Amino acid sequence: MKWADIIIPTGLPVVSKKTECSTSNPEISVETEYRIQRKDGEIRWVRERIRQIPNNSGNRGKFQGWIHDITGRKMIEETLEKHEEARVKEIHHRIKNNLQVVSSLLDLQAERFMEREAVQSQEILKAFKESQNRVICMALIHEELYKSRDMATLDFASYLRKLTTNLLRSYTVKNEDITLKLNLEQVYLGMDTAIPLGIIVNELVSNSLKYAFQLGQKGEISISLCRSENNEKICEKLHEKSADSEKDRGKSKMYLQYTLAVADNGPGIPEGIDLENTDSLGLQLIMVLVDQIEGHLELRRDAGTEFKIIFNNK
């Protein structure tokens, strides 16, 4: 029987492509790794190296090379990969659990302040609640990464759904009439982008729930996440703001890939509030984190408030 008949079908396209490459480039040797099935049904990994025999040898159109059984090496690699995956999952699991412990401690401390300082308790409780939500925001990211098969990236749309649901529950007493509208594309973000962006969304949605609507007033908070159109003008603005070398100038030619918008239909942020110079810890945090992910922030104040962050995925 032909050798190709015992190659596992999923490996045939790779083998065919490599053979074509060797045919079109007689001077080079081509290496391929794939699986075969032996007569007794056992699956083995092999490594093949072939090259075309030069035409002047009288063997036109023929190949020479070797095929070596590498099953042992592959088994070791797969075992190591599984151990590494389990190790990383365990790390994310422990981080999530530790963050939940911090959240619980903040909750307990807030209750003690309520008992001792009745006069100042509301402001203290508010500060603890904000800190607790920031911790939960980060814990959710590690929970999602623990569950995912690819622990290097995060399904950010799925994460936003869980985060916003948690925030609505957190402020449910005041905001029973607030509805949430989500328009999210499935986007996978790296950790360096997902964590700062998650905290930004936490701050923006929390601000809307706390300040945008009066008690009992109906309102809507909307969040959209999508791939961006050509943002050349925005990239040029970022370039003018921060690029001071030839190396930095080259970066400005890379278009920002994604747009995240968080909006509410409340009265809007007053014109007197300057995002670049504000006393609000939440807004200060947002500005710092947007800079951290090298993004661009736009604020619209008419017909409510809309924050738009345009960014790349790191």
C-alpha atoms as a PDB file:
ATOM      1  CA  MET A   1       0.000   0.000   0.000  1.00  0.00           C
ATOM      2  CA  LYS A   2       1.042   3.613  -0.488  1.00  0.00           C
ATOM      3  CA  TRP A   3       2.548   5.505   2.444  1.00  0.00           C
ATOM      4  CA  ALA A   4      -0.104   8.243   2.057  1.00  0.00           C
ATOM      5  CA  ASP A   5      -2.808   5.639   2.788  1.00  0.00           C
ATOM      6  CA  ILE A   6      -1.705   5.273   6.420  1.00  0.00           C
ATOM      7  CA  ILE A   7      -1.452   9.025   7.147  1.00  0.00           C
ATOM      8  CA  ILE A   8      -4.230  10.268   9.437  1.00  0.00           C
ATOM      9  CA  PRO A   9      -6.550  12.313   7.126  1.00  0.00           C
ATOM     10  CA  THR A  10      -6.148  15.562   9.109  1.00  0.00           C
ATOM     11  CA  GLY A  11      -2.423  15.505   8.290  1.00  0.00           C
ATOM     12  CA  LEU A  12      -2.777  14.984   4.548  1.00  0.00           C
ATOM     13  CA  PRO A  13      -3.187  18.709   3.625  1.00  0.00           C
ATOM     14  CA  VAL A  14       0.033  19.586   5.467  1.00  0.00           C
ATOM     15  CA  VAL A  15       1.959  16.730   3.857  1.00  0.00           C
ATOM     16  CA  SER A  16       0.660  17.657   0.392  1.00  0.00           C
ATOM     17  CA  LYS A  17       1.585  21.319   0.876  1.00  0.00           C
ATOM     18  CA  LYS A  18       5.110  20.444   2.017  1.00  0.00           C
ATOM     19  CA  THR A  19       5.564  18.061  -0.934  1.00  0.00           C
ATOM     20  CA  GLU A  20       4.505  20.809  -3.347  1.00  0.00           C
ATOM     21  CA  CYS A  21       6.985  23.135  -1.680  1.00  0.00           C
ATOM     22  CA  SER A  22       9.772  20.599  -2.162  1.00  0.00           C
ATOM     23  CA  THR A  23       8.781  20.081  -5.815  1.00  0.00           C
ATOM     24  CA  SER A  24       8.874  23.795  -6.579  1.00  0.00           C
ATOM     25  CA  ASN A  25      12.140  24.326  -4.643  1.00  0.00           C
ATOM     26  CA  PRO A  26      14.435  21.382  -5.502  1.00  0.00           C
ATOM     27  CA  GLU A  27      17.379  22.895  -3.617  1.00  0.00           C
ATOM     28  CA  ILE A  28      15.732  22.795  -0.182  1.00  0.00           C
ATOM     29  CA  SER A  29      14.738  19.964   2.136  1.00  0.00           C
ATOM     30  CA  VAL A  30      11.299  20.029   3.759  1.00  0.00           C
ATOM     31  CA  GLU A  31      10.395  18.775   7.247  1.00  0.00           C
ATOM     32  CA  THR A  32       6.903  17.740   8.378  1.00  0.00           C
ATOM     33  CA  GLU A  33       5.427  16.202  11.527  1.00  0.00           C
ATOM     34  CA  TYR A  34       2.202  14.203  11.315  1.00  0.00           C
ATOM     35  CA  ARG A  35       0.435  11.055  12.553  1.00  0.00           C
ATOM     36  CA  ILE A  36       0.102   7.643  10.919  1.00  0.00           C
ATOM     37  CA  GLN A  37      -1.970   4.554  11.763  1.00  0.00           C
ATOM     38  CA  ARG A  38      -0.158   1.222  11.846  1.00  0.00           C
ATOM     39  CA  LYS A  39      -1.607  -2.090  10.691  1.00  0.00           C
ATOM     40  CA  ASP A  40      -2.537  -3.007  14.290  1.00  0.00           C
ATOM     41  CA  GLY A  41      -4.459   0.305  14.637  1.00  0.00           C
ATOM     42  CA  GLU A  42      -1.887   2.075  16.824  1.00  0.00           C
ATOM     43  CA  ILE A  43      -1.421   5.785  16.138  1.00  0.00           C
ATOM     44  CA  ARG A  44       2.181   7.005  15.923  1.00  0.00           C
ATOM     45  CA  TRP A  45       3.758  10.434  15.408  1.00  0.00           C
ATOM     46  CA  VAL A  46       6.462  10.654  12.718  1.00  0.00           C
ATOM     47  CA  ARG A  47       8.815  13.321  11.451  1.00  0.00           C
ATOM     48  CA  GLU A  48       9.519  13.312   7.725  1.00  0.00           C
ATOM     49  CA  ARG A  49      12.346  15.070   5.919  1.00  0.00           C
ATOM     50  CA  ILE A  50      12.502  14.911   2.112  1.00  0.00           C
ATOM     51  CA  ARG A  51      14.091  16.677  -0.825  1.00  0.00           C
ATOM     52  CA  GLN A  52      13.879  16.281  -4.566  1.00  0.00           C
ATOM     53  CA  ILE A  53      16.723  14.354  -6.213  1.00  0.00           C
ATOM     54  CA  PRO A  54      18.611  16.658  -8.629  1.00  0.00           C
ATOM     55  CA  ASN A  55      17.635  16.219 -12.282  1.00  0.00           C
ATOM     56  CA  ASN A  56      21.231  15.589 -13.410  1.00  0.00           C
ATOM     57  CA  SER A  57      21.316  12.337 -11.428  1.00  0.00           C
ATOM     58  CA  GLY A  58      18.987  10.533 -13.839  1.00  0.00           C
ATOM     59  CA  ASN A  59      16.209  10.286 -11.201  1.00  0.00           C
ATOM     60  CA  ARG A  60      14.010  13.121 -12.440  1.00  0.00           C
ATOM     61  CA  GLY A  61      10.858  13.654 -10.351  1.00  0.00           C
ATOM     62  CA  LYS A  62      11.969  11.367  -7.501  1.00  0.00           C
ATOM     63  CA  PHE A  63      12.560  12.200  -3.835  1.00  0.00           C
ATOM     64  CA  GLN A  64      14.845  10.988  -1.088  1.00  0.00           C
ATOM     65  CA  GLY A  65      14.670  11.414   2.666  1.00  0.00           C
ATOM     66  CA  TRP A  66      13.795   9.714   5.932  1.00  0.00           C
ATOM     67  CA  ILE A  67      10.849   9.198   8.286  1.00  0.00           C
ATOM     68  CA  HIS A  68      11.540   8.919  12.012  1.00  0.00           C
ATOM     69  CA  ASP A  69       9.168   7.826  14.793  1.00  0.00           C
ATOM     70  CA  ILE A  70       8.874  10.718  17.295  1.00  0.00           C
ATOM     71  CA  THR A  71       5.931   9.390  19.338  1.00  0.00           C
ATOM     72  CA  GLY A  72       7.957   9.374  22.565  1.00  0.00           C
ATOM     73  CA  ARG A  73       8.945  13.010  22.183  1.00  0.00           C
ATOM     74  CA  LYS A  74       5.366  14.037  21.354  1.00  0.00           C
ATOM     75  CA  MET A  75       4.005  12.247  24.430  1.00  0.00           C
ATOM     76  CA  ILE A  76       6.480  14.128  26.628  1.00  0.00           C
ATOM     77  CA  GLU A  77       5.540  17.458  24.990  1.00  0.00           C
ATOM     78  CA  GLU A  78       1.812  16.809  25.448  1.00  0.00           C
ATOM     79  CA  THR A  79       2.339  15.840  29.093  1.00  0.00           C
ATOM     80  CA  LEU A  80       4.337  19.019  29.751  1.00  0.00           C
ATOM     81  CA  GLU A  81       1.714  21.108  27.969  1.00  0.00           C
ATOM     82  CA  LYS A  82      -1.054  19.621  30.112  1.00  0.00           C
ATOM     83  CA  HIS A  83       0.958  20.256  33.288  1.00  0.00           C
ATOM     84  CA  GLU A  84       1.568  23.876  32.229  1.00  0.00           C
ATOM     85  CA  GLU A  85      -2.118  24.376  31.424  1.00  0.00           C
ATOM     86  CA  ALA A  86      -3.117  22.936  34.795  1.00  0.00           C
ATOM     87  CA  ARG A  87      -0.554  25.148  36.547  1.00  0.00           C
ATOM     88  CA  VAL A  88      -1.809  28.322  34.869  1.00  0.00           C
ATOM     89  CA  LYS A  89      -5.430  27.401  35.599  1.00  0.00           C
ATOM     90  CA  GLU A  90      -4.549  26.854  39.247  1.00  0.00           C
ATOM     91  CA  ILE A  91      -2.863  30.273  39.374  1.00  0.00           C
ATOM     92  CA  HIS A  92      -5.972  31.996  37.978  1.00  0.00           C
ATOM     93  CA  HIS A  93      -8.164  30.008  40.380  1.00  0.00           C
ATOM     94  CA  ARG A  94      -6.100  31.050  43.405  1.00  0.00           C
ATOM     95  CA  ILE A  95      -5.980  34.702  42.337  1.00  0.00           C
ATOM     96  CA  LYS A  96      -9.767  34.699  41.931  1.00  0.00           C
ATOM     97  CA  ASN A  97     -10.225  33.123  45.376  1.00  0.00           C
ATOM     98  CA  ASN A  98      -7.816  35.606  46.995  1.00  0.00           C
ATOM     99  CA  LEU A  99      -9.643  38.546  45.413  1.00  0.00           C
ATOM    100  CA  GLN A 100     -12.940  37.172  46.697  1.00  0.00           C
ATOM    101  CA  VAL A 101     -11.439  36.985  50.190  1.00  0.00           C
ATOM    102  CA  VAL A 102     -10.389  40.651  49.891  1.00  0.00           C
ATOM    103  CA  SER A 103     -13.932  41.520  48.782  1.00  0.00           C
ATOM    104  CA  SER A 104     -15.403  39.701  51.789  1.00  0.00           C
ATOM    105  CA  LEU A 105     -13.009  41.463  54.171  1.00  0.00           C
ATOM    106  CA  LEU A 106     -14.056  44.831  52.743  1.00  0.00           C
ATOM    107  CA  ASP A 107     -17.673  43.842  53.290  1.00  0.00           C
ATOM    108  CA  LEU A 108     -17.016  42.908  56.918  1.00  0.00           C
ATOM    109  CA  GLN A 109     -15.079  46.102  57.563  1.00  0.00           C
ATOM    110  CA  ALA A 110     -17.903  48.175  56.062  1.00  0.00           C
ATOM    111  CA  GLU A 111     -20.381  46.551  58.451  1.00  0.00           C
ATOM    112  CA  ARG A 112     -18.177  47.436  61.440  1.00  0.00           C
ATOM    113  CA  PHE A 113     -17.982  51.061  60.322  1.00  0.00           C
ATOM    114  CA  MET A 114     -21.774  51.096  60.043  1.00  0.00           C
ATOM    115  CA  GLU A 115     -22.052  49.971  63.661  1.00  0.00           C
ATOM    116  CA  ARG A 116     -19.504  52.453  65.089  1.00  0.00           C
ATOM    117  CA  GLU A 117     -19.819  55.597  62.969  1.00  0.00           C
ATOM    118  CA  ALA A 118     -23.484  56.188  62.252  1.00  0.00           C
ATOM    119  CA  VAL A 119     -22.942  59.809  61.159  1.00  0.00           C
ATOM    120  CA  GLN A 120     -20.182  59.196  58.607  1.00  0.00           C
ATOM    121  CA  SER A 121     -21.180  55.656  57.717  1.00  0.00           C
ATOM    122  CA  GLN A 122     -22.765  56.437  54.324  1.00  0.00           C
ATOM    123  CA  GLU A 123     -19.624  57.980  52.852  1.00  0.00           C
ATOM    124  CA  ILE A 124     -17.456  55.234  54.295  1.00  0.00           C
ATOM    125  CA  LEU A 125     -19.827  52.548  53.056  1.00  0.00           C
ATOM    126  CA  LYS A 126     -19.821  54.115  49.576  1.00  0.00           C
ATOM    127  CA  ALA A 127     -16.005  54.039  49.461  1.00  0.00           C
ATOM    128  CA  PHE A 128     -15.909  50.407  50.567  1.00  0.00           C
ATOM    129  CA  LYS A 129     -18.555  49.435  48.002  1.00  0.00           C
ATOM    130  CA  GLU A 130     -16.567  51.070  45.193  1.00  0.00           C
ATOM    131  CA  SER A 131     -13.380  49.268  46.277  1.00  0.00           C
ATOM    132  CA  GLN A 132     -15.260  45.999  46.552  1.00  0.00           C
ATOM    133  CA  ASN A 133     -16.658  46.339  43.008  1.00  0.00           C
ATOM    134  CA  ARG A 134     -13.160  46.994  41.631  1.00  0.00           C
ATOM    135  CA  VAL A 135     -11.886  43.831  43.312  1.00  0.00           C
ATOM    136  CA  ILE A 136     -14.830  41.777  41.994  1.00  0.00           C
ATOM    137  CA  CYS A 137     -14.196  43.225  38.530  1.00  0.00           C
ATOM    138  CA  MET A 138     -10.671  41.749  38.539  1.00  0.00           C
ATOM    139  CA  ALA A 139     -11.815  38.474  40.130  1.00  0.00           C
ATOM    140  CA  LEU A 140     -14.303  37.940  37.285  1.00  0.00           C
ATOM    141  CA  ILE A 141     -11.502  38.190  34.730  1.00  0.00           C
ATOM    142  CA  HIS A 142      -9.509  35.432  36.443  1.00  0.00           C
ATOM    143  CA  GLU A 143     -12.677  33.335  36.755  1.00  0.00           C
ATOM    144  CA  GLU A 144     -13.270  33.616  32.993  1.00  0.00           C
ATOM    145  CA  LEU A 145      -9.635  32.784  32.218  1.00  0.00           C
ATOM    146  CA  TYR A 146      -9.806  29.756  34.529  1.00  0.00           C
ATOM    147  CA  LYS A 147     -12.791  28.418  32.572  1.00  0.00           C
ATOM    148  CA  SER A 148     -11.413  29.159  29.103  1.00  0.00           C
ATOM    149  CA  ARG A 149      -9.307  26.793  26.991  1.00  0.00           C
ATOM    150  CA  ASP A 150      -7.051  29.612  25.792  1.00  0.00           C
ATOM    151  CA  MET A 151      -5.752  31.245  28.963  1.00  0.00           C
ATOM    152  CA  ALA A 152      -3.838  33.953  27.112  1.00  0.00           C
ATOM    153  CA  THR A 153      -6.959  35.750  25.889  1.00  0.00           C
ATOM    154  CA  LEU A 154     -10.392  36.566  27.285  1.00  0.00           C
ATOM    155  CA  ASP A 155     -13.830  36.536  25.637  1.00  0.00           C
ATOM    156  CA  PHE A 156     -14.444  40.166  26.598  1.00  0.00           C
ATOM    157  CA  ALA A 157     -18.096  40.268  25.500  1.00  0.00           C
ATOM    158  CA  SER A 158     -18.952  37.351  27.814  1.00  0.00           C
ATOM    159  CA  TYR A 159     -17.005  39.021  30.624  1.00  0.00           C
ATOM    160  CA  LEU A 160     -18.887  42.336  30.171  1.00  0.00           C
ATOM    161  CA  ARG A 161     -22.240  40.572  30.481  1.00  0.00           C
ATOM    162  CA  LYS A 162     -21.243  39.087  33.847  1.00  0.00           C
ATOM    163  CA  LEU A 163     -19.639  42.304  35.084  1.00  0.00           C
ATOM    164  CA  THR A 164     -22.654  44.509  34.276  1.00  0.00           C
ATOM    165  CA  THR A 165     -25.084  41.980  35.767  1.00  0.00           C
ATOM    166  CA  ASN A 166     -23.058  42.039  38.990  1.00  0.00           C
ATOM    167  CA  LEU A 167     -23.025  45.863  39.041  1.00  0.00           C
ATOM    168  CA  LEU A 168     -26.807  46.077  38.555  1.00  0.00           C
ATOM    169  CA  ARG A 169     -27.290  43.721  41.503  1.00  0.00           C
ATOM    170  CA  SER A 170     -24.868  45.803  43.574  1.00  0.00           C
ATOM    171  CA  TYR A 171     -26.901  49.004  43.072  1.00  0.00           C
ATOM    172  CA  THR A 172     -30.333  47.385  42.784  1.00  0.00           C
ATOM    173  CA  VAL A 173     -31.947  49.299  45.691  1.00  0.00           C
ATOM    174  CA  LYS A 174     -31.559  52.634  43.934  1.00  0.00           C
ATOM    175  CA  ASN A 175     -31.792  51.521  40.328  1.00  0.00           C
ATOM    176  CA  GLU A 176     -34.656  49.053  39.972  1.00  0.00           C
ATOM    177  CA  ASP A 177     -35.952  51.014  36.957  1.00  0.00           C
ATOM    178  CA  ILE A 178     -32.630  51.135  35.086  1.00  0.00           C
ATOM    179  CA  THR A 179     -32.332  48.899  32.030  1.00  0.00           C
ATOM    180  CA  LEU A 180     -29.117  47.719  30.431  1.00  0.00           C
ATOM    181  CA  LYS A 181     -28.660  47.482  26.660  1.00  0.00           C
ATOM    182  CA  LEU A 182     -25.674  45.491  25.367  1.00  0.00           C
ATOM    183  CA  ASN A 183     -24.460  45.379  21.762  1.00  0.00           C
ATOM    184  CA  LEU A 184     -21.280  43.328  21.907  1.00  0.00           C
ATOM    185  CA  GLU A 185     -19.217  41.656  19.228  1.00  0.00           C
ATOM    186  CA  GLN A 186     -17.273  38.577  20.284  1.00  0.00           C
ATOM    187  CA  VAL A 187     -13.802  39.990  20.841  1.00  0.00           C
ATOM    188  CA  TYR A 188     -10.877  38.184  22.483  1.00  0.00           C
ATOM    189  CA  LEU A 189      -8.479  40.453  24.380  1.00  0.00           C
ATOM    190  CA  GLY A 190      -5.108  39.810  25.983  1.00  0.00           C
ATOM    191  CA  MET A 191      -4.678  40.232  29.738  1.00  0.00           C
ATOM    192  CA  ASP A 192      -2.772  43.515  29.417  1.00  0.00           C
ATOM    193  CA  THR A 193      -5.792  45.051  27.687  1.00  0.00           C
ATOM    194  CA  ALA A 194      -8.666  43.165  29.336  1.00  0.00           C
ATOM    195  CA  ILE A 195      -7.881  44.031  32.972  1.00  0.00           C
ATOM    196  CA  PRO A 196      -7.537  47.844  32.542  1.00  0.00           C
ATOM    197  CA  LEU A 197     -10.537  47.921  30.194  1.00  0.00           C
ATOM    198  CA  GLY A 198     -12.633  45.896  32.642  1.00  0.00           C
ATOM    199  CA  ILE A 199     -11.867  48.388  35.429  1.00  0.00           C
ATOM    200  CA  ILE A 200     -12.752  51.279  33.079  1.00  0.00           C
ATOM    201  CA  VAL A 201     -16.170  49.734  32.337  1.00  0.00           C
ATOM    202  CA  ASN A 202     -16.684  49.102  36.041  1.00  0.00           C
ATOM    203  CA  GLU A 203     -16.053  52.788  36.820  1.00  0.00           C
ATOM    204  CA  LEU A 204     -18.239  54.119  33.987  1.00  0.00           C
ATOM    205  CA  VAL A 205     -21.229  51.875  34.678  1.00  0.00           C
ATOM    206  CA  SER A 206     -20.938  52.488  38.437  1.00  0.00           C
ATOM    207  CA  ASN A 207     -20.926  56.262  37.851  1.00  0.00           C
ATOM    208  CA  SER A 208     -24.059  56.010  35.706  1.00  0.00           C
ATOM    209  CA  LEU A 209     -25.846  53.889  38.305  1.00  0.00           C
ATOM    210  CA  LYS A 210     -24.863  56.277  41.125  1.00  0.00           C
ATOM    211  CA  TYR A 211     -25.260  59.705  39.545  1.00  0.00           C
ATOM    212  CA  ALA A 212     -27.097  59.662  36.204  1.00  0.00           C
ATOM    213  CA  PHE A 213     -30.625  59.026  37.480  1.00  0.00           C
ATOM    214  CA  GLN A 214     -32.799  60.192  40.351  1.00  0.00           C
ATOM    215  CA  LEU A 215     -34.373  57.645  42.713  1.00  0.00           C
ATOM    216  CA  GLY A 216     -37.256  55.935  40.911  1.00  0.00           C
ATOM    217  CA  GLN A 217     -36.405  57.516  37.553  1.00  0.00           C
ATOM    218  CA  LYS A 218     -36.426  55.231  34.521  1.00  0.00           C
ATOM    219  CA  GLY A 219     -33.256  55.203  32.486  1.00  0.00           C
ATOM    220  CA  GLU A 220     -31.035  53.221  30.177  1.00  0.00           C
ATOM    221  CA  ILE A 221     -27.344  52.364  30.160  1.00  0.00           C
ATOM    222  CA  SER A 222     -25.930  51.049  26.905  1.00  0.00           C
ATOM    223  CA  ILE A 223     -22.603  49.369  26.176  1.00  0.00           C
ATOM    224  CA  SER A 224     -21.286  48.553  22.717  1.00  0.00           C
ATOM    225  CA  LEU A 225     -18.100  46.778  21.677  1.00  0.00           C
ATOM    226  CA  CYS A 226     -17.067  46.429  18.041  1.00  0.00           C
ATOM    227  CA  ARG A 227     -14.168  46.464  15.632  1.00  0.00           C
ATOM    228  CA  SER A 228     -13.275  49.997  14.606  1.00  0.00           C
ATOM    229  CA  GLU A 229     -13.352  51.604  11.217  1.00  0.00           C
ATOM    230  CA  ASN A 230     -10.296  53.459   9.909  1.00  0.00           C
ATOM    231  CA  ASN A 231      -9.151  55.731  12.752  1.00  0.00           C
ATOM    232  CA  GLU A 232      -6.237  57.411  11.004  1.00  0.00           C
ATOM    233  CA  LYS A 233      -7.103  60.893  12.328  1.00  0.00           C
ATOM    234  CA  ILE A 234      -7.240  59.646  15.915  1.00  0.00           C
ATOM    235  CA  CYS A 235      -3.907  57.864  15.492  1.00  0.00           C
ATOM    236  CA  GLU A 236      -2.401  61.106  14.221  1.00  0.00           C
ATOM    237  CA  LYS A 237      -3.675  62.931  17.322  1.00  0.00           C
ATOM    238  CA  LEU A 238      -2.065  60.329  19.569  1.00  0.00           C
ATOM    239  CA  HIS A 239       1.109  60.654  17.541  1.00  0.00           C
ATOM    240  CA  GLU A 240       1.181  64.437  18.005  1.00  0.00           C
ATOM    241  CA  LYS A 241       0.577  64.014  21.720  1.00  0.00           C
ATOM    242  CA  SER A 242       3.204  61.405  22.538  1.00  0.00           C
ATOM    243  CA  ALA A 243       5.535  60.574  19.644  1.00  0.00           C
ATOM    244  CA  ASP A 244       8.949  62.188  19.989  1.00  0.00           C
ATOM    245  CA  SER A 245      11.163  59.776  18.040  1.00  0.00           C
ATOM    246  CA  GLU A 246      11.269  58.048  14.673  1.00  0.00           C
ATOM    247  CA  LYS A 247      10.420  54.760  16.387  1.00  0.00           C
ATOM    248  CA  ASP A 248       7.288  56.251  18.001  1.00  0.00           C
ATOM    249  CA  ARG A 249       6.206  57.843  14.731  1.00  0.00           C
ATOM    250  CA  GLY A 250       6.030  54.425  13.144  1.00  0.00           C
ATOM    251  CA  LYS A 251       3.548  53.294  15.784  1.00  0.00           C
ATOM    252  CA  SER A 252       1.059  56.002  14.822  1.00  0.00           C
ATOM    253  CA  LYS A 253       0.484  54.284  11.484  1.00  0.00           C
ATOM    254  CA  MET A 254      -1.139  51.318  13.224  1.00  0.00           C
ATOM    255  CA  TYR A 255      -4.905  51.869  13.253  1.00  0.00           C
ATOM    256  CA  LEU A 256      -6.783  51.318  16.508  1.00  0.00           C
ATOM    257  CA  GLN A 257      -8.726  48.084  16.184  1.00  0.00           C
ATOM    258  CA  TYR A 258     -11.660  48.259  18.605  1.00  0.00           C
ATOM    259  CA  THR A 259     -14.227  50.709  19.958  1.00  0.00           C
ATOM    260  CA  LEU A 260     -15.914  50.420  23.353  1.00  0.00           C
ATOM    261  CA  ALA A 261     -18.715  52.861  24.195  1.00  0.00           C
ATOM    262  CA  VAL A 262     -20.524  53.245  27.528  1.00  0.00           C
ATOM    263  CA  ALA A 263     -23.490  55.654  27.512  1.00  0.00           C
ATOM    264  CA  ASP A 264     -26.526  56.625  29.585  1.00  0.00           C
ATOM    265  CA  ASN A 265     -29.558  58.839  28.847  1.00  0.00           C
ATOM    266  CA  GLY A 266     -29.273  60.856  32.054  1.00  0.00           C
ATOM    267  CA  PRO A 267     -28.773  64.646  32.249  1.00  0.00           C
ATOM    268  CA  GLY A 268     -25.127  64.412  31.177  1.00  0.00           C
ATOM    269  CA  ILE A 269     -21.827  65.362  32.819  1.00  0.00           C
ATOM    270  CA  PRO A 270     -21.719  69.126  33.542  1.00  0.00           C
ATOM    271  CA  GLU A 271     -19.598  71.210  31.170  1.00  0.00           C
ATOM    272  CA  GLY A 272     -17.550  72.450  34.119  1.00  0.00           C
ATOM    273  CA  ILE A 273     -16.017  69.021  34.751  1.00  0.00           C
ATOM    274  CA  ASP A 274     -12.643  68.664  33.035  1.00  0.00           C
ATOM    275  CA  LEU A 275     -11.527  65.052  32.642  1.00  0.00           C
ATOM    276  CA  GLU A 276      -7.879  66.096  32.543  1.00  0.00           C
ATOM    277  CA  ASN A 277      -8.209  67.916  35.877  1.00  0.00           C
ATOM    278  CA  THR A 278     -10.812  66.357  38.155  1.00  0.00           C
ATOM    279  CA  ASP A 279     -11.093  65.491  41.846  1.00  0.00           C
ATOM    280  CA  SER A 280     -13.081  62.338  41.094  1.00  0.00           C
ATOM    281  CA  LEU A 281     -10.989  59.233  41.861  1.00  0.00           C
ATOM    282  CA  GLY A 282     -13.062  57.195  39.398  1.00  0.00           C
ATOM    283  CA  LEU A 283     -12.483  59.619  36.502  1.00  0.00           C
ATOM    284  CA  GLN A 284      -8.801  59.933  37.365  1.00  0.00           C
ATOM    285  CA  LEU A 285      -8.540  56.135  37.287  1.00  0.00           C
ATOM    286  CA  ILE A 286     -10.243  56.015  33.881  1.00  0.00           C
ATOM    287  CA  MET A 287      -7.810  58.539  32.380  1.00  0.00           C
ATOM    288  CA  VAL A 288      -4.780  56.658  33.747  1.00  0.00           C
ATOM    289  CA  LEU A 289      -6.032  53.315  32.420  1.00  0.00           C
ATOM    290  CA  VAL A 290      -6.854  54.682  28.957  1.00  0.00           C
ATOM    291  CA  ASP A 291      -3.261  55.943  28.762  1.00  0.00           C
ATOM    292  CA  GLN A 292      -2.027  52.561  29.991  1.00  0.00           C
ATOM    293  CA  ILE A 293      -3.639  50.713  27.067  1.00  0.00           C
ATOM    294  CA  GLU A 294      -2.487  53.505  24.697  1.00  0.00           C
ATOM    295  CA  GLY A 295      -6.089  54.215  23.761  1.00  0.00           C
ATOM    296  CA  HIS A 296      -8.073  57.306  22.823  1.00  0.00           C
ATOM    297  CA  LEU A 297     -10.984  58.617  24.932  1.00  0.00           C
ATOM    298  CA  GLU A 298     -13.859  60.691  23.566  1.00  0.00           C
ATOM    299  CA  LEU A 299     -16.631  62.225  25.714  1.00  0.00           C
ATOM    300  CA  ARG A 300     -20.061  63.245  24.432  1.00  0.00           C
ATOM    301  CA  ARG A 301     -22.260  65.249  26.821  1.00  0.00           C
ATOM    302  CA  ASP A 302     -25.411  65.942  24.740  1.00  0.00           C
ATOM    303  CA  ALA A 303     -28.558  63.797  25.238  1.00  0.00           C
ATOM    304  CA  GLY A 304     -26.916  62.029  28.147  1.00  0.00           C
ATOM    305  CA  THR A 305     -23.293  60.961  28.541  1.00  0.00           C
ATOM    306  CA  GLU A 306     -21.191  58.735  26.303  1.00  0.00           C
ATOM    307  CA  PHE A 307     -17.614  57.647  26.862  1.00  0.00           C
ATOM    308  CA  LYS A 308     -15.965  56.112  23.800  1.00  0.00           C
ATOM    309  CA  ILE A 309     -12.614  54.324  24.110  1.00  0.00           C
ATOM    310  CA  ILE A 310     -10.773  53.346  20.940  1.00  0.00           C
ATOM    311  CA  PHE A 311      -7.892  50.926  21.474  1.00  0.00           C
ATOM    312  CA  ASN A 312      -5.656  48.153  20.184  1.00  0.00           C
ATOM    313  CA  ASN A 313      -5.457  44.616  21.540  1.00  0.00           C
ATOM    314  CA  LYS A 314      -2.085  43.877  23.173  1.00  0.00           C
END
